[in-house]
Amino acid sequence: MTRPTLAAYRSAAAPGRLKCRGLAKTKAHLAALRTPEAEAALRRLTEAEEALRRLTEAEEAGGFDGFSVEAYAAWYATYYA
């Protein structure tokens, strides 16, 4: 499956009409369009929501406790040096 381009999303989402309308209304509008571009944009929004939900759950469960971007980057810099 290929990712929709920004141009395809913009044409499907009719920019300007959706500004500040919220995610639910944007998704409803995309679903109503029933074009391949709108359906692809809707899938990407749904995937992004799912990824955010999983990240939030992991964070709440302590999955990121002790994580540091700096320490992670330093470890890889040393490893690949």
Protein backbone atom coordinates (compact mmCIF):
# COMPACT_ATOMS: atom_id res chain seq x y z
CA MET A 1 0.00 0.00 0.00
CA THR A 2 1.38 3.40 -0.91
CA ARG A 3 1.05 6.47 1.23
CA PRO A 4 -1.17 9.25 -0.07
CA THR A 5 0.68 12.39 -1.01
CA LEU A 6 0.02 15.66 0.72
CA ALA A 7 -1.48 16.95 -2.53
CA ALA A 8 -3.91 14.02 -2.60
CA TYR A 9 -4.91 14.65 1.00
CA ARG A 10 -5.40 18.34 0.35
CA SER A 11 -7.57 17.70 -2.69
CA ALA A 12 -9.61 15.10 -0.79
CA ALA A 13 -9.96 17.14 2.36
CA ALA A 14 -10.88 20.44 0.70
CA PRO A 15 -8.55 22.68 2.73
CA GLY A 16 -10.19 25.70 4.25
CA ARG A 17 -13.50 23.96 4.85
CA LEU A 18 -12.03 21.77 7.57
CA LYS A 19 -9.91 24.28 9.45
CA CYS A 20 -10.55 24.14 13.17
CA ARG A 21 -13.45 21.73 12.72
CA GLY A 22 -11.87 18.90 14.69
CA LEU A 23 -10.75 15.38 13.94
CA ALA A 24 -14.19 13.78 14.13
CA LYS A 25 -15.67 16.17 11.58
CA THR A 26 -12.63 15.82 9.34
CA LYS A 27 -12.96 12.04 9.41
CA ALA A 28 -16.69 12.22 8.71
CA HIS A 29 -16.07 14.54 5.77
CA LEU A 30 -13.38 12.27 4.32
CA ALA A 31 -15.64 9.23 4.72
CA ALA A 32 -18.46 11.02 2.94
CA LEU A 33 -16.28 11.88 -0.07
CA ARG A 34 -15.78 8.20 -1.01
CA THR A 35 -12.79 8.88 -3.22
CA PRO A 36 -9.63 6.75 -3.16
CA GLU A 37 -7.65 9.76 -1.93
CA ALA A 38 -10.09 10.50 0.87
CA GLU A 39 -10.20 6.85 1.90
CA ALA A 40 -6.38 6.74 2.01
CA ALA A 41 -6.28 9.92 4.11
CA LEU A 42 -8.90 8.47 6.44
CA ARG A 43 -6.89 5.25 6.86
CA ARG A 44 -3.78 7.27 7.74
CA LEU A 45 -5.69 9.29 10.33
CA THR A 46 -7.05 6.09 11.86
CA GLU A 47 -3.55 4.54 11.94
CA ALA A 48 -2.17 7.67 13.59
CA GLU A 49 -4.90 7.57 16.25
CA GLU A 50 -4.09 3.92 16.98
CA ALA A 51 -0.36 4.64 17.25
CA LEU A 52 -1.03 7.51 19.65
CA ARG A 53 -3.32 5.29 21.74
CA ARG A 54 -0.62 2.62 22.01
CA LEU A 55 2.05 5.16 22.93
CA THR A 56 -0.21 6.65 25.62
CA GLU A 57 -0.90 3.20 27.06
CA ALA A 58 2.82 2.36 27.11
CA GLU A 59 3.62 5.66 28.79
CA GLU A 60 0.92 5.14 31.44
CA ALA A 61 2.23 1.61 32.08
CA GLY A 62 5.73 2.97 32.71
CA GLY A 63 7.17 1.77 29.43
CA PHE A 64 9.19 4.94 29.00
CA ASP A 65 10.41 5.29 32.59
CA GLY A 66 14.11 6.00 32.56
CA PHE A 67 14.15 6.63 28.83
CA SER A 68 16.34 9.49 27.69
CA VAL A 69 16.86 10.55 24.10
CA GLU A 70 20.33 11.77 25.00
CA ALA A 71 21.33 8.47 26.62
CA TYR A 72 19.87 6.45 23.74
CA ALA A 73 21.70 8.55 21.16
CA ALA A 74 24.95 8.39 23.16
CA TRP A 75 24.75 4.59 23.33
CA TYR A 76 24.29 4.32 19.56
CA ALA A 77 27.03 6.87 18.88
CA THR A 78 29.42 4.77 20.97
CA TYR A 79 28.23 1.50 19.44
CA TYR A 80 28.70 2.68 15.85
CA ALA A 81 31.90 4.66 16.48
